[in-house]
Amino acid sequence: RFSTWYEFFPRSTSEKEGVHGTFKDCE
């Protein structure tokens, strides 16, 4: 009944541009 969602793509989480993100980046 009560939730607040945030969506993002894990592959876009890298600190470096042009680099595929990882789950560690998501952390």
mmCIF file of all heavy atoms, coordinates in Angstrom:
data_MODEL
# 
_entry.id   MODEL 
# 
loop_
_atom_site.group_PDB 
_atom_site.id 
_atom_site.type_symbol 
_atom_site.label_atom_id 
_atom_site.label_alt_id 
_atom_site.label_comp_id 
_atom_site.label_asym_id 
_atom_site.label_entity_id 
_atom_site.label_seq_id 
_atom_site.pdbx_PDB_ins_code 
_atom_site.Cartn_x 
_atom_site.Cartn_y 
_atom_site.Cartn_z 
_atom_site.occupancy 
_atom_site.B_iso_or_equiv 
_atom_site.pdbx_formal_charge 
_atom_site.auth_seq_id 
_atom_site.auth_comp_id 
_atom_site.auth_asym_id 
_atom_site.auth_atom_id 
_atom_site.pdbx_PDB_model_num 
ATOM 1   N N   . ARG A 1 1  ? 0.817  -1.226 0.000   1.00 0.00 ? 1  ARG A N   1 
ATOM 2   C CA  . ARG A 1 1  ? 0.000  0.000  0.000   1.00 0.00 ? 1  ARG A CA  1 
ATOM 3   C C   . ARG A 1 1  ? 0.843  1.264  0.000   1.00 0.00 ? 1  ARG A C   1 
ATOM 4   O O   . ARG A 1 1  ? 0.425  2.299  -0.518  1.00 0.00 ? 1  ARG A O   1 
ATOM 5   C CB  . ARG A 1 1  ? -0.918 0.007  1.224   1.00 0.00 ? 1  ARG A CB  1 
ATOM 6   C CG  . ARG A 1 1  ? -1.948 1.124  1.243   1.00 0.00 ? 1  ARG A CG  1 
ATOM 7   C CD  . ARG A 1 1  ? -2.641 1.211  2.594   1.00 0.00 ? 1  ARG A CD  1 
ATOM 8   N NE  . ARG A 1 1  ? -1.713 1.658  3.638   1.00 0.00 ? 1  ARG A NE  1 
ATOM 9   C CZ  . ARG A 1 1  ? -1.936 1.531  4.944   1.00 0.00 ? 1  ARG A CZ  1 
ATOM 10  N NH1 . ARG A 1 1  ? -3.036 0.927  5.362   1.00 0.00 ? 1  ARG A NH1 1 
ATOM 11  N NH2 . ARG A 1 1  ? -1.061 1.969  5.824   1.00 0.00 ? 1  ARG A NH2 1 
ATOM 12  N N   . PHE A 1 2  ? 2.047  1.194  0.572   1.00 0.00 ? 2  PHE A N   1 
ATOM 13  C CA  . PHE A 1 2  ? 2.863  2.398  0.731   1.00 0.00 ? 2  PHE A CA  1 
ATOM 14  C C   . PHE A 1 2  ? 4.298  2.097  0.339   1.00 0.00 ? 2  PHE A C   1 
ATOM 15  O O   . PHE A 1 2  ? 4.990  1.328  1.015   1.00 0.00 ? 2  PHE A O   1 
ATOM 16  C CB  . PHE A 1 2  ? 2.795  2.891  2.179   1.00 0.00 ? 2  PHE A CB  1 
ATOM 17  C CG  . PHE A 1 2  ? 3.711  4.048  2.464   1.00 0.00 ? 2  PHE A CG  1 
ATOM 18  C CD1 . PHE A 1 2  ? 3.599  5.232  1.751   1.00 0.00 ? 2  PHE A CD1 1 
ATOM 19  C CD2 . PHE A 1 2  ? 4.691  3.951  3.443   1.00 0.00 ? 2  PHE A CD2 1 
ATOM 20  C CE1 . PHE A 1 2  ? 4.445  6.301  2.007   1.00 0.00 ? 2  PHE A CE1 1 
ATOM 21  C CE2 . PHE A 1 2  ? 5.538  5.022  3.719   1.00 0.00 ? 2  PHE A CE2 1 
ATOM 22  C CZ  . PHE A 1 2  ? 5.412  6.197  2.990   1.00 0.00 ? 2  PHE A CZ  1 
ATOM 23  N N   . SER A 1 3  ? 4.745  2.702  -0.765  1.00 0.00 ? 3  SER A N   1 
ATOM 24  C CA  . SER A 1 3  ? 6.109  2.481  -1.225  1.00 0.00 ? 3  SER A CA  1 
ATOM 25  C C   . SER A 1 3  ? 6.558  3.676  -2.056  1.00 0.00 ? 3  SER A C   1 
ATOM 26  O O   . SER A 1 3  ? 5.754  4.373  -2.666  1.00 0.00 ? 3  SER A O   1 
ATOM 27  C CB  . SER A 1 3  ? 6.202  1.191  -2.059  1.00 0.00 ? 3  SER A CB  1 
ATOM 28  O OG  . SER A 1 3  ? 5.333  1.251  -3.177  1.00 0.00 ? 3  SER A OG  1 
ATOM 29  N N   . THR A 1 4  ? 7.869  3.891  -2.070  1.00 0.00 ? 4  THR A N   1 
ATOM 30  C CA  . THR A 1 4  ? 8.455  5.022  -2.786  1.00 0.00 ? 4  THR A CA  1 
ATOM 31  C C   . THR A 1 4  ? 9.619  4.478  -3.615  1.00 0.00 ? 4  THR A C   1 
ATOM 32  O O   . THR A 1 4  ? 10.660 4.123  -3.072  1.00 0.00 ? 4  THR A O   1 
ATOM 33  C CB  . THR A 1 4  ? 8.936  6.094  -1.790  1.00 0.00 ? 4  THR A CB  1 
ATOM 34  O OG1 . THR A 1 4  ? 7.898  6.343  -0.825  1.00 0.00 ? 4  THR A OG1 1 
ATOM 35  C CG2 . THR A 1 4  ? 9.258  7.394  -2.507  1.00 0.00 ? 4  THR A CG2 1 
ATOM 36  N N   . TRP A 1 5  ? 9.416  4.424  -4.940  1.00 0.00 ? 5  TRP A N   1 
ATOM 37  C CA  . TRP A 1 5  ? 10.325 3.735  -5.840  1.00 0.00 ? 5  TRP A CA  1 
ATOM 38  C C   . TRP A 1 5  ? 11.292 4.706  -6.504  1.00 0.00 ? 5  TRP A C   1 
ATOM 39  O O   . TRP A 1 5  ? 10.937 5.832  -6.850  1.00 0.00 ? 5  TRP A O   1 
ATOM 40  C CB  . TRP A 1 5  ? 9.551  3.025  -6.946  1.00 0.00 ? 5  TRP A CB  1 
ATOM 41  C CG  . TRP A 1 5  ? 8.671  1.896  -6.514  1.00 0.00 ? 5  TRP A CG  1 
ATOM 42  C CD1 . TRP A 1 5  ? 7.690  1.916  -5.560  1.00 0.00 ? 5  TRP A CD1 1 
ATOM 43  C CD2 . TRP A 1 5  ? 8.652  0.575  -7.060  1.00 0.00 ? 5  TRP A CD2 1 
ATOM 44  N NE1 . TRP A 1 5  ? 7.070  0.694  -5.473  1.00 0.00 ? 5  TRP A NE1 1 
ATOM 45  C CE2 . TRP A 1 5  ? 7.637  -0.144 -6.390  1.00 0.00 ? 5  TRP A CE2 1 
ATOM 46  C CE3 . TRP A 1 5  ? 9.379  -0.059 -8.057  1.00 0.00 ? 5  TRP A CE3 1 
ATOM 47  C CZ2 . TRP A 1 5  ? 7.341  -1.479 -6.688  1.00 0.00 ? 5  TRP A CZ2 1 
ATOM 48  C CZ3 . TRP A 1 5  ? 9.090  -1.383 -8.358  1.00 0.00 ? 5  TRP A CZ3 1 
ATOM 49  C CH2 . TRP A 1 5  ? 8.087  -2.082 -7.676  1.00 0.00 ? 5  TRP A CH2 1 
ATOM 50  N N   . TYR A 1 6  ? 12.515 4.209  -6.711  1.00 0.00 ? 6  TYR A N   1 
ATOM 51  C CA  . TYR A 1 6  ? 13.514 4.934  -7.495  1.00 0.00 ? 6  TYR A CA  1 
ATOM 52  C C   . TYR A 1 6  ? 14.108 3.955  -8.488  1.00 0.00 ? 6  TYR A C   1 
ATOM 53  O O   . TYR A 1 6  ? 14.560 2.870  -8.119  1.00 0.00 ? 6  TYR A O   1 
ATOM 54  C CB  . TYR A 1 6  ? 14.605 5.509  -6.593  1.00 0.00 ? 6  TYR A CB  1 
ATOM 55  C CG  . TYR A 1 6  ? 15.556 6.452  -7.290  1.00 0.00 ? 6  TYR A CG  1 
ATOM 56  C CD1 . TYR A 1 6  ? 15.239 7.796  -7.457  1.00 0.00 ? 6  TYR A CD1 1 
ATOM 57  C CD2 . TYR A 1 6  ? 16.776 6.000  -7.792  1.00 0.00 ? 6  TYR A CD2 1 
ATOM 58  C CE1 . TYR A 1 6  ? 16.110 8.670  -8.102  1.00 0.00 ? 6  TYR A CE1 1 
ATOM 59  C CE2 . TYR A 1 6  ? 17.660 6.865  -8.432  1.00 0.00 ? 6  TYR A CE2 1 
ATOM 60  C CZ  . TYR A 1 6  ? 17.312 8.199  -8.584  1.00 0.00 ? 6  TYR A CZ  1 
ATOM 61  O OH  . TYR A 1 6  ? 18.169 9.068  -9.228  1.00 0.00 ? 6  TYR A OH  1 
ATOM 62  N N   . GLU A 1 7  ? 14.092 4.324  -9.763  1.00 0.00 ? 7  GLU A N   1 
ATOM 63  C CA  . GLU A 1 7  ? 14.598 3.446  -10.810 1.00 0.00 ? 7  GLU A CA  1 
ATOM 64  C C   . GLU A 1 7  ? 15.879 4.011  -11.410 1.00 0.00 ? 7  GLU A C   1 
ATOM 65  O O   . GLU A 1 7  ? 15.941 5.200  -11.736 1.00 0.00 ? 7  GLU A O   1 
ATOM 66  C CB  . GLU A 1 7  ? 13.554 3.294  -11.924 1.00 0.00 ? 7  GLU A CB  1 
ATOM 67  C CG  . GLU A 1 7  ? 14.049 2.493  -13.125 1.00 0.00 ? 7  GLU A CG  1 
ATOM 68  C CD  . GLU A 1 7  ? 13.023 2.399  -14.240 1.00 0.00 ? 7  GLU A CD  1 
ATOM 69  O OE1 . GLU A 1 7  ? 11.958 3.044  -14.131 1.00 0.00 ? 7  GLU A OE1 1 
ATOM 70  O OE2 . GLU A 1 7  ? 13.291 1.681  -15.221 1.00 0.00 ? 7  GLU A OE2 1 
ATOM 71  N N   . PHE A 1 8  ? 16.896 3.158  -11.532 1.00 0.00 ? 8  PHE A N   1 
ATOM 72  C CA  . PHE A 1 8  ? 18.039 3.536  -12.356 1.00 0.00 ? 8  PHE A CA  1 
ATOM 73  C C   . PHE A 1 8  ? 18.646 2.296  -13.009 1.00 0.00 ? 8  PHE A C   1 
ATOM 74  O O   . PHE A 1 8  ? 18.396 1.164  -12.584 1.00 0.00 ? 8  PHE A O   1 
ATOM 75  C CB  . PHE A 1 8  ? 19.083 4.358  -11.588 1.00 0.00 ? 8  PHE A CB  1 
ATOM 76  C CG  . PHE A 1 8  ? 19.872 3.636  -10.523 1.00 0.00 ? 8  PHE A CG  1 
ATOM 77  C CD1 . PHE A 1 8  ? 20.769 2.617  -10.828 1.00 0.00 ? 8  PHE A CD1 1 
ATOM 78  C CD2 . PHE A 1 8  ? 19.771 4.029  -9.187  1.00 0.00 ? 8  PHE A CD2 1 
ATOM 79  C CE1 . PHE A 1 8  ? 21.539 1.988  -9.846  1.00 0.00 ? 8  PHE A CE1 1 
ATOM 80  C CE2 . PHE A 1 8  ? 20.532 3.411  -8.197  1.00 0.00 ? 8  PHE A CE2 1 
ATOM 81  C CZ  . PHE A 1 8  ? 21.411 2.387  -8.529  1.00 0.00 ? 8  PHE A CZ  1 
ATOM 82  N N   . PHE A 1 9  ? 19.443 2.527  -14.043 1.00 0.00 ? 9  PHE A N   1 
ATOM 83  C CA  . PHE A 1 9  ? 20.106 1.442  -14.772 1.00 0.00 ? 9  PHE A CA  1 
ATOM 84  C C   . PHE A 1 9  ? 21.452 1.160  -14.123 1.00 0.00 ? 9  PHE A C   1 
ATOM 85  O O   . PHE A 1 9  ? 22.328 2.029  -14.098 1.00 0.00 ? 9  PHE A O   1 
ATOM 86  C CB  . PHE A 1 9  ? 20.321 1.841  -16.231 1.00 0.00 ? 9  PHE A CB  1 
ATOM 87  C CG  . PHE A 1 9  ? 19.091 1.807  -17.082 1.00 0.00 ? 9  PHE A CG  1 
ATOM 88  C CD1 . PHE A 1 9  ? 18.116 2.786  -16.952 1.00 0.00 ? 9  PHE A CD1 1 
ATOM 89  C CD2 . PHE A 1 9  ? 18.912 0.802  -18.024 1.00 0.00 ? 9  PHE A CD2 1 
ATOM 90  C CE1 . PHE A 1 9  ? 16.985 2.771  -17.756 1.00 0.00 ? 9  PHE A CE1 1 
ATOM 91  C CE2 . PHE A 1 9  ? 17.782 0.768  -18.829 1.00 0.00 ? 9  PHE A CE2 1 
ATOM 92  C CZ  . PHE A 1 9  ? 16.807 1.759  -18.692 1.00 0.00 ? 9  PHE A CZ  1 
ATOM 93  N N   . PRO A 1 10 ? 21.671 -0.041 -13.601 1.00 0.00 ? 10 PRO A N   1 
ATOM 94  C CA  . PRO A 1 10 ? 22.965 -0.358 -12.977 1.00 0.00 ? 10 PRO A CA  1 
ATOM 95  C C   . PRO A 1 10 ? 24.157 -0.137 -13.903 1.00 0.00 ? 10 PRO A C   1 
ATOM 96  O O   . PRO A 1 10 ? 25.240 0.232  -13.450 1.00 0.00 ? 10 PRO A O   1 
ATOM 97  C CB  . PRO A 1 10 ? 22.815 -1.838 -12.601 1.00 0.00 ? 10 PRO A CB  1 
ATOM 98  C CG  . PRO A 1 10 ? 21.346 -2.043 -12.436 1.00 0.00 ? 10 PRO A CG  1 
ATOM 99  C CD  . PRO A 1 10 ? 20.715 -1.156 -13.463 1.00 0.00 ? 10 PRO A CD  1 
ATOM 100 N N   . ARG A 1 11 ? 23.955 -0.321 -15.191 1.00 0.00 ? 11 ARG A N   1 
ATOM 101 C CA  . ARG A 1 11 ? 25.090 -0.190 -16.106 1.00 0.00 ? 11 ARG A CA  1 
ATOM 102 C C   . ARG A 1 11 ? 25.532 1.267  -16.283 1.00 0.00 ? 11 ARG A C   1 
ATOM 103 O O   . ARG A 1 11 ? 26.592 1.528  -16.864 1.00 0.00 ? 11 ARG A O   1 
ATOM 104 C CB  . ARG A 1 11 ? 24.751 -0.809 -17.460 1.00 0.00 ? 11 ARG A CB  1 
ATOM 105 C CG  . ARG A 1 11 ? 23.691 -0.084 -18.257 1.00 0.00 ? 11 ARG A CG  1 
ATOM 106 C CD  . ARG A 1 11 ? 23.303 -0.900 -19.471 1.00 0.00 ? 11 ARG A CD  1 
ATOM 107 N NE  . ARG A 1 11 ? 22.368 -0.212 -20.364 1.00 0.00 ? 11 ARG A NE  1 
ATOM 108 C CZ  . ARG A 1 11 ? 21.775 -0.774 -21.403 1.00 0.00 ? 11 ARG A CZ  1 
ATOM 109 N NH1 . ARG A 1 11 ? 22.015 -2.052 -21.675 1.00 0.00 ? 11 ARG A NH1 1 
ATOM 110 N NH2 . ARG A 1 11 ? 20.943 -0.092 -22.171 1.00 0.00 ? 11 ARG A NH2 1 
ATOM 111 N N   . SER A 1 12 ? 24.735 2.216  -15.773 1.00 0.00 ? 12 SER A N   1 
ATOM 112 C CA  . SER A 1 12 ? 25.088 3.638  -15.892 1.00 0.00 ? 12 SER A CA  1 
ATOM 113 C C   . SER A 1 12 ? 25.621 4.225  -14.590 1.00 0.00 ? 12 SER A C   1 
ATOM 114 O O   . SER A 1 12 ? 25.571 5.432  -14.377 1.00 0.00 ? 12 SER A O   1 
ATOM 115 C CB  . SER A 1 12 ? 23.865 4.438  -16.353 1.00 0.00 ? 12 SER A CB  1 
ATOM 116 O OG  . SER A 1 12 ? 23.478 4.098  -17.653 1.00 0.00 ? 12 SER A OG  1 
ATOM 117 N N   . THR A 1 13 ? 26.144 3.392  -13.715 1.00 0.00 ? 13 THR A N   1 
ATOM 118 C CA  . THR A 1 13 ? 26.539 3.865  -12.387 1.00 0.00 ? 13 THR A CA  1 
ATOM 119 C C   . THR A 1 13 ? 28.042 4.057  -12.216 1.00 0.00 ? 13 THR A C   1 
ATOM 120 O O   . THR A 1 13 ? 28.497 4.463  -11.141 1.00 0.00 ? 13 THR A O   1 
ATOM 121 C CB  . THR A 1 13 ? 26.050 2.880  -11.307 1.00 0.00 ? 13 THR A CB  1 
ATOM 122 O OG1 . THR A 1 13 ? 26.563 1.569  -11.601 1.00 0.00 ? 13 THR A OG1 1 
ATOM 123 C CG2 . THR A 1 13 ? 24.534 2.838  -11.259 1.00 0.00 ? 13 THR A CG2 1 
ATOM 124 N N   . SER A 1 14 ? 28.812 3.788  -13.255 1.00 0.00 ? 14 SER A N   1 
ATOM 125 C CA  . SER A 1 14 ? 30.262 3.920  -13.117 1.00 0.00 ? 14 SER A CA  1 
ATOM 126 C C   . SER A 1 14 ? 30.670 5.373  -12.897 1.00 0.00 ? 14 SER A C   1 
ATOM 127 O O   . SER A 1 14 ? 30.054 6.301  -13.416 1.00 0.00 ? 14 SER A O   1 
ATOM 128 C CB  . SER A 1 14 ? 30.957 3.389  -14.371 1.00 0.00 ? 14 SER A CB  1 
ATOM 129 O OG  . SER A 1 14 ? 32.354 3.625  -14.317 1.00 0.00 ? 14 SER A OG  1 
ATOM 130 N N   . GLU A 1 15 ? 31.732 5.558  -12.124 1.00 0.00 ? 15 GLU A N   1 
ATOM 131 C CA  . GLU A 1 15 ? 32.266 6.910  -11.915 1.00 0.00 ? 15 GLU A CA  1 
ATOM 132 C C   . GLU A 1 15 ? 32.993 7.417  -13.155 1.00 0.00 ? 15 GLU A C   1 
ATOM 133 O O   . GLU A 1 15 ? 33.174 8.628  -13.314 1.00 0.00 ? 15 GLU A O   1 
ATOM 134 C CB  . GLU A 1 15 ? 33.225 6.912  -10.718 1.00 0.00 ? 15 GLU A CB  1 
ATOM 135 C CG  . GLU A 1 15 ? 32.549 6.654  -9.383  1.00 0.00 ? 15 GLU A CG  1 
ATOM 136 C CD  . GLU A 1 15 ? 33.515 6.755  -8.222  1.00 0.00 ? 15 GLU A CD  1 
ATOM 137 O OE1 . GLU A 1 15 ? 33.698 7.873  -7.713  1.00 0.00 ? 15 GLU A OE1 1 
ATOM 138 O OE2 . GLU A 1 15 ? 34.095 5.712  -7.852  1.00 0.00 ? 15 GLU A OE2 1 
ATOM 139 N N   . LYS A 1 16 ? 33.396 6.506  -14.034 1.00 0.00 ? 16 LYS A N   1 
ATOM 140 C CA  . LYS A 1 16 ? 34.149 6.894  -15.221 1.00 0.00 ? 16 LYS A CA  1 
ATOM 141 C C   . LYS A 1 16 ? 33.241 6.877  -16.449 1.00 0.00 ? 16 LYS A C   1 
ATOM 142 O O   . LYS A 1 16 ? 32.552 5.894  -16.709 1.00 0.00 ? 16 LYS A O   1 
ATOM 143 C CB  . LYS A 1 16 ? 35.327 5.940  -15.430 1.00 0.00 ? 16 LYS A CB  1 
ATOM 144 C CG  . LYS A 1 16 ? 36.357 5.977  -14.305 1.00 0.00 ? 16 LYS A CG  1 
ATOM 145 C CD  . LYS A 1 16 ? 37.503 5.015  -14.576 1.00 0.00 ? 16 LYS A CD  1 
ATOM 146 C CE  . LYS A 1 16 ? 38.533 5.049  -13.452 1.00 0.00 ? 16 LYS A CE  1 
ATOM 147 N NZ  . LYS A 1 16 ? 39.648 4.101  -13.710 1.00 0.00 ? 16 LYS A NZ  1 
ATOM 148 N N   . GLU A 1 17 ? 33.264 7.954  -17.199 1.00 0.00 ? 17 GLU A N   1 
ATOM 149 C CA  . GLU A 1 17 ? 32.442 8.048  -18.396 1.00 0.00 ? 17 GLU A CA  1 
ATOM 150 C C   . GLU A 1 17 ? 32.883 7.011  -19.417 1.00 0.00 ? 17 GLU A C   1 
ATOM 151 O O   . GLU A 1 17 ? 34.076 6.774  -19.628 1.00 0.00 ? 17 GLU A O   1 
ATOM 152 C CB  . GLU A 1 17 ? 32.544 9.451  -18.987 1.00 0.00 ? 17 GLU A CB  1 
ATOM 153 C CG  . GLU A 1 17 ? 31.551 9.703  -20.111 1.00 0.00 ? 17 GLU A CG  1 
ATOM 154 C CD  . GLU A 1 17 ? 31.450 11.157 -20.477 1.00 0.00 ? 17 GLU A CD  1 
ATOM 155 O OE1 . GLU A 1 17 ? 32.157 11.984 -19.850 1.00 0.00 ? 17 GLU A OE1 1 
ATOM 156 O OE2 . GLU A 1 17 ? 30.653 11.477 -21.385 1.00 0.00 ? 17 GLU A OE2 1 
ATOM 157 N N   . GLY A 1 18 ? 31.884 6.368  -20.049 1.00 0.00 ? 18 GLY A N   1 
ATOM 158 C CA  . GLY A 1 18 ? 32.173 5.373  -21.074 1.00 0.00 ? 18 GLY A CA  1 
ATOM 159 C C   . GLY A 1 18 ? 32.459 3.993  -20.543 1.00 0.00 ? 18 GLY A C   1 
ATOM 160 O O   . GLY A 1 18 ? 32.731 3.077  -21.321 1.00 0.00 ? 18 GLY A O   1 
ATOM 161 N N   . VAL A 1 19 ? 32.409 3.830  -19.221 1.00 0.00 ? 19 VAL A N   1 
ATOM 162 C CA  . VAL A 1 19 ? 32.694 2.534  -18.598 1.00 0.00 ? 19 VAL A CA  1 
ATOM 163 C C   . VAL A 1 19 ? 31.380 1.925  -18.089 1.00 0.00 ? 19 VAL A C   1 
ATOM 164 O O   . VAL A 1 19 ? 30.557 2.616  -17.480 1.00 0.00 ? 19 VAL A O   1 
ATOM 165 C CB  . VAL A 1 19 ? 33.691 2.688  -17.429 1.00 0.00 ? 19 VAL A CB  1 
ATOM 166 C CG1 . VAL A 1 19 ? 33.900 1.343  -16.723 1.00 0.00 ? 19 VAL A CG1 1 
ATOM 167 C CG2 . VAL A 1 19 ? 35.014 3.240  -17.943 1.00 0.00 ? 19 VAL A CG2 1 
ATOM 168 N N   . HIS A 1 20 ? 31.184 0.649  -18.358 1.00 0.00 ? 20 HIS A N   1 
ATOM 169 C CA  . HIS A 1 20 ? 29.994 -0.080 -17.923 1.00 0.00 ? 20 HIS A CA  1 
ATOM 170 C C   . HIS A 1 20 ? 29.973 -0.190 -16.397 1.00 0.00 ? 20 HIS A C   1 
ATOM 171 O O   . HIS A 1 20 ? 30.962 -0.600 -15.778 1.00 0.00 ? 20 HIS A O   1 
ATOM 172 C CB  . HIS A 1 20 ? 29.986 -1.479 -18.550 1.00 0.00 ? 20 HIS A CB  1 
ATOM 173 C CG  . HIS A 1 20 ? 28.675 -2.179 -18.513 1.00 0.00 ? 20 HIS A CG  1 
ATOM 174 N ND1 . HIS A 1 20 ? 28.126 -2.680 -17.358 1.00 0.00 ? 20 HIS A ND1 1 
ATOM 175 C CD2 . HIS A 1 20 ? 27.790 -2.467 -19.511 1.00 0.00 ? 20 HIS A CD2 1 
ATOM 176 C CE1 . HIS A 1 20 ? 26.967 -3.264 -17.635 1.00 0.00 ? 20 HIS A CE1 1 
ATOM 177 N NE2 . HIS A 1 20 ? 26.737 -3.150 -18.940 1.00 0.00 ? 20 HIS A NE2 1 
ATOM 178 N N   . GLY A 1 21 ? 28.850 0.174  -15.786 1.00 0.00 ? 21 GLY A N   1 
ATOM 179 C CA  . GLY A 1 21 ? 28.720 0.096  -14.336 1.00 0.00 ? 21 GLY A CA  1 
ATOM 180 C C   . GLY A 1 21 ? 28.574 -1.326 -13.837 1.00 0.00 ? 21 GLY A C   1 
ATOM 181 O O   . GLY A 1 21 ? 28.278 -2.255 -14.597 1.00 0.00 ? 21 GLY A O   1 
ATOM 182 N N   . THR A 1 22 ? 28.797 -1.500 -12.541 1.00 0.00 ? 22 THR A N   1 
ATOM 183 C CA  . THR A 1 22 ? 28.714 -2.807 -11.895 1.00 0.00 ? 22 THR A CA  1 
ATOM 184 C C   . THR A 1 22 ? 27.853 -2.709 -10.644 1.00 0.00 ? 22 THR A C   1 
ATOM 185 O O   . THR A 1 22 ? 27.480 -1.624 -10.200 1.00 0.00 ? 22 THR A O   1 
ATOM 186 C CB  . THR A 1 22 ? 30.112 -3.306 -11.495 1.00 0.00 ? 22 THR A CB  1 
ATOM 187 O OG1 . THR A 1 22 ? 30.611 -2.456 -10.437 1.00 0.00 ? 22 THR A OG1 1 
ATOM 188 C CG2 . THR A 1 22 ? 31.074 -3.274 -12.675 1.00 0.00 ? 22 THR A CG2 1 
ATOM 189 N N   . PHE A 1 23 ? 27.549 -3.867 -10.056 1.00 0.00 ? 23 PHE A N   1 
ATOM 190 C CA  . PHE A 1 23 ? 26.816 -3.872 -8.795  1.00 0.00 ? 23 PHE A CA  1 
ATOM 191 C C   . PHE A 1 23 ? 27.609 -3.181 -7.688  1.00 0.00 ? 23 PHE A C   1 
ATOM 192 O O   . PHE A 1 23 ? 27.027 -2.564 -6.780  1.00 0.00 ? 23 PHE A O   1 
ATOM 193 C CB  . PHE A 1 23 ? 26.472 -5.302 -8.391  1.00 0.00 ? 23 PHE A CB  1 
ATOM 194 C CG  . PHE A 1 23 ? 25.445 -5.961 -9.277  1.00 0.00 ? 23 PHE A CG  1 
ATOM 195 C CD1 . PHE A 1 23 ? 25.595 -7.281 -9.677  1.00 0.00 ? 23 PHE A CD1 1 
ATOM 196 C CD2 . PHE A 1 23 ? 24.342 -5.261 -9.718  1.00 0.00 ? 23 PHE A CD2 1 
ATOM 197 C CE1 . PHE A 1 23 ? 24.656 -7.896 -10.490 1.00 0.00 ? 23 PHE A CE1 1 
ATOM 198 C CE2 . PHE A 1 23 ? 23.388 -5.860 -10.531 1.00 0.00 ? 23 PHE A CE2 1 
ATOM 199 C CZ  . PHE A 1 23 ? 23.557 -7.181 -10.921 1.00 0.00 ? 23 PHE A CZ  1 
ATOM 200 N N   . LYS A 1 24 ? 28.918 -3.266 -7.754  1.00 0.00 ? 24 LYS A N   1 
ATOM 201 C CA  . LYS A 1 24 ? 29.736 -2.565 -6.760  1.00 0.00 ? 24 LYS A CA  1 
ATOM 202 C C   . LYS A 1 24 ? 29.591 -1.057 -6.914  1.00 0.00 ? 24 LYS A C   1 
ATOM 203 O O   . LYS A 1 24 ? 29.598 -0.315 -5.924  1.00 0.00 ? 24 LYS A O   1 
ATOM 204 C CB  . LYS A 1 24 ? 31.196 -2.998 -6.885  1.00 0.00 ? 24 LYS A CB  1 
ATOM 205 C CG  . LYS A 1 24 ? 31.415 -4.456 -6.462  1.00 0.00 ? 24 LYS A CG  1 
ATOM 206 C CD  . LYS A 1 24 ? 32.879 -4.859 -6.543  1.00 0.00 ? 24 LYS A CD  1 
ATOM 207 C CE  . LYS A 1 24 ? 33.059 -6.317 -6.103  1.00 0.00 ? 24 LYS A CE  1 
ATOM 208 N NZ  . LYS A 1 24 ? 34.475 -6.752 -6.187  1.00 0.00 ? 24 LYS A NZ  1 
ATOM 209 N N   . ASP A 1 25 ? 29.446 -0.589 -8.150  1.00 0.00 ? 25 ASP A N   1 
ATOM 210 C CA  . ASP A 1 25 ? 29.164 0.836  -8.362  1.00 0.00 ? 25 ASP A CA  1 
ATOM 211 C C   . ASP A 1 25 ? 27.803 1.205  -7.776  1.00 0.00 ? 25 ASP A C   1 
ATOM 212 O O   . ASP A 1 25 ? 27.634 2.301  -7.216  1.00 0.00 ? 25 ASP A O   1 
ATOM 213 C CB  . ASP A 1 25 ? 29.181 1.169  -9.855  1.00 0.00 ? 25 ASP A CB  1 
ATOM 214 C CG  . ASP A 1 25 ? 30.577 1.081  -10.458 1.00 0.00 ? 25 ASP A CG  1 
ATOM 215 O OD1 . ASP A 1 25 ? 31.526 1.562  -9.816  1.00 0.00 ? 25 ASP A OD1 1 
ATOM 216 O OD2 . ASP A 1 25 ? 30.712 0.534  -11.572 1.00 0.00 ? 25 ASP A OD2 1 
ATOM 217 N N   . CYS A 1 26 ? 26.842 0.305  -7.910  1.00 0.00 ? 26 CYS A N   1 
ATOM 218 C CA  . CYS A 1 26 ? 25.508 0.563  -7.356  1.00 0.00 ? 26 CYS A CA  1 
ATOM 219 C C   . CYS A 1 26 ? 25.562 0.718  -5.837  1.00 0.00 ? 26 CYS A C   1 
ATOM 220 O O   . CYS A 1 26 ? 24.825 1.537  -5.260  1.00 0.00 ? 26 CYS A O   1 
ATOM 221 C CB  . CYS A 1 26 ? 24.555 -0.573 -7.720  1.00 0.00 ? 26 CYS A CB  1 
ATOM 222 S SG  . CYS A 1 26 ? 24.193 -0.720 -9.483  1.00 0.00 ? 26 CYS A SG  1 
ATOM 223 N N   . GLU A 1 27 ? 26.418 -0.063 -5.202  1.00 0.00 ? 27 GLU A N   1 
ATOM 224 C CA  . GLU A 1 27 ? 26.542 0.032  -3.740  1.00 0.00 ? 27 GLU A CA  1 
ATOM 225 C C   . GLU A 1 27 ? 26.907 1.446  -3.303  1.00 0.00 ? 27 GLU A C   1 
ATOM 226 O O   . GLU A 1 27 ? 26.441 1.940  -2.273  1.00 0.00 ? 27 GLU A O   1 
ATOM 227 C CB  . GLU A 1 27 ? 27.590 -0.960 -3.238  1.00 0.00 ? 27 GLU A CB  1 
ATOM 228 C CG  . GLU A 1 27 ? 27.158 -2.416 -3.310  1.00 0.00 ? 27 GLU A CG  1 
ATOM 229 C CD  . GLU A 1 27 ? 28.217 -3.346 -2.733  1.00 0.00 ? 27 GLU A CD  1 
ATOM 230 O OE1 . GLU A 1 27 ? 29.042 -2.864 -1.910  1.00 0.00 ? 27 GLU A OE1 1 
ATOM 231 O OE2 . GLU A 1 27 ? 28.225 -4.539 -3.097  1.00 0.00 ? 27 GLU A OE2 1 
# 
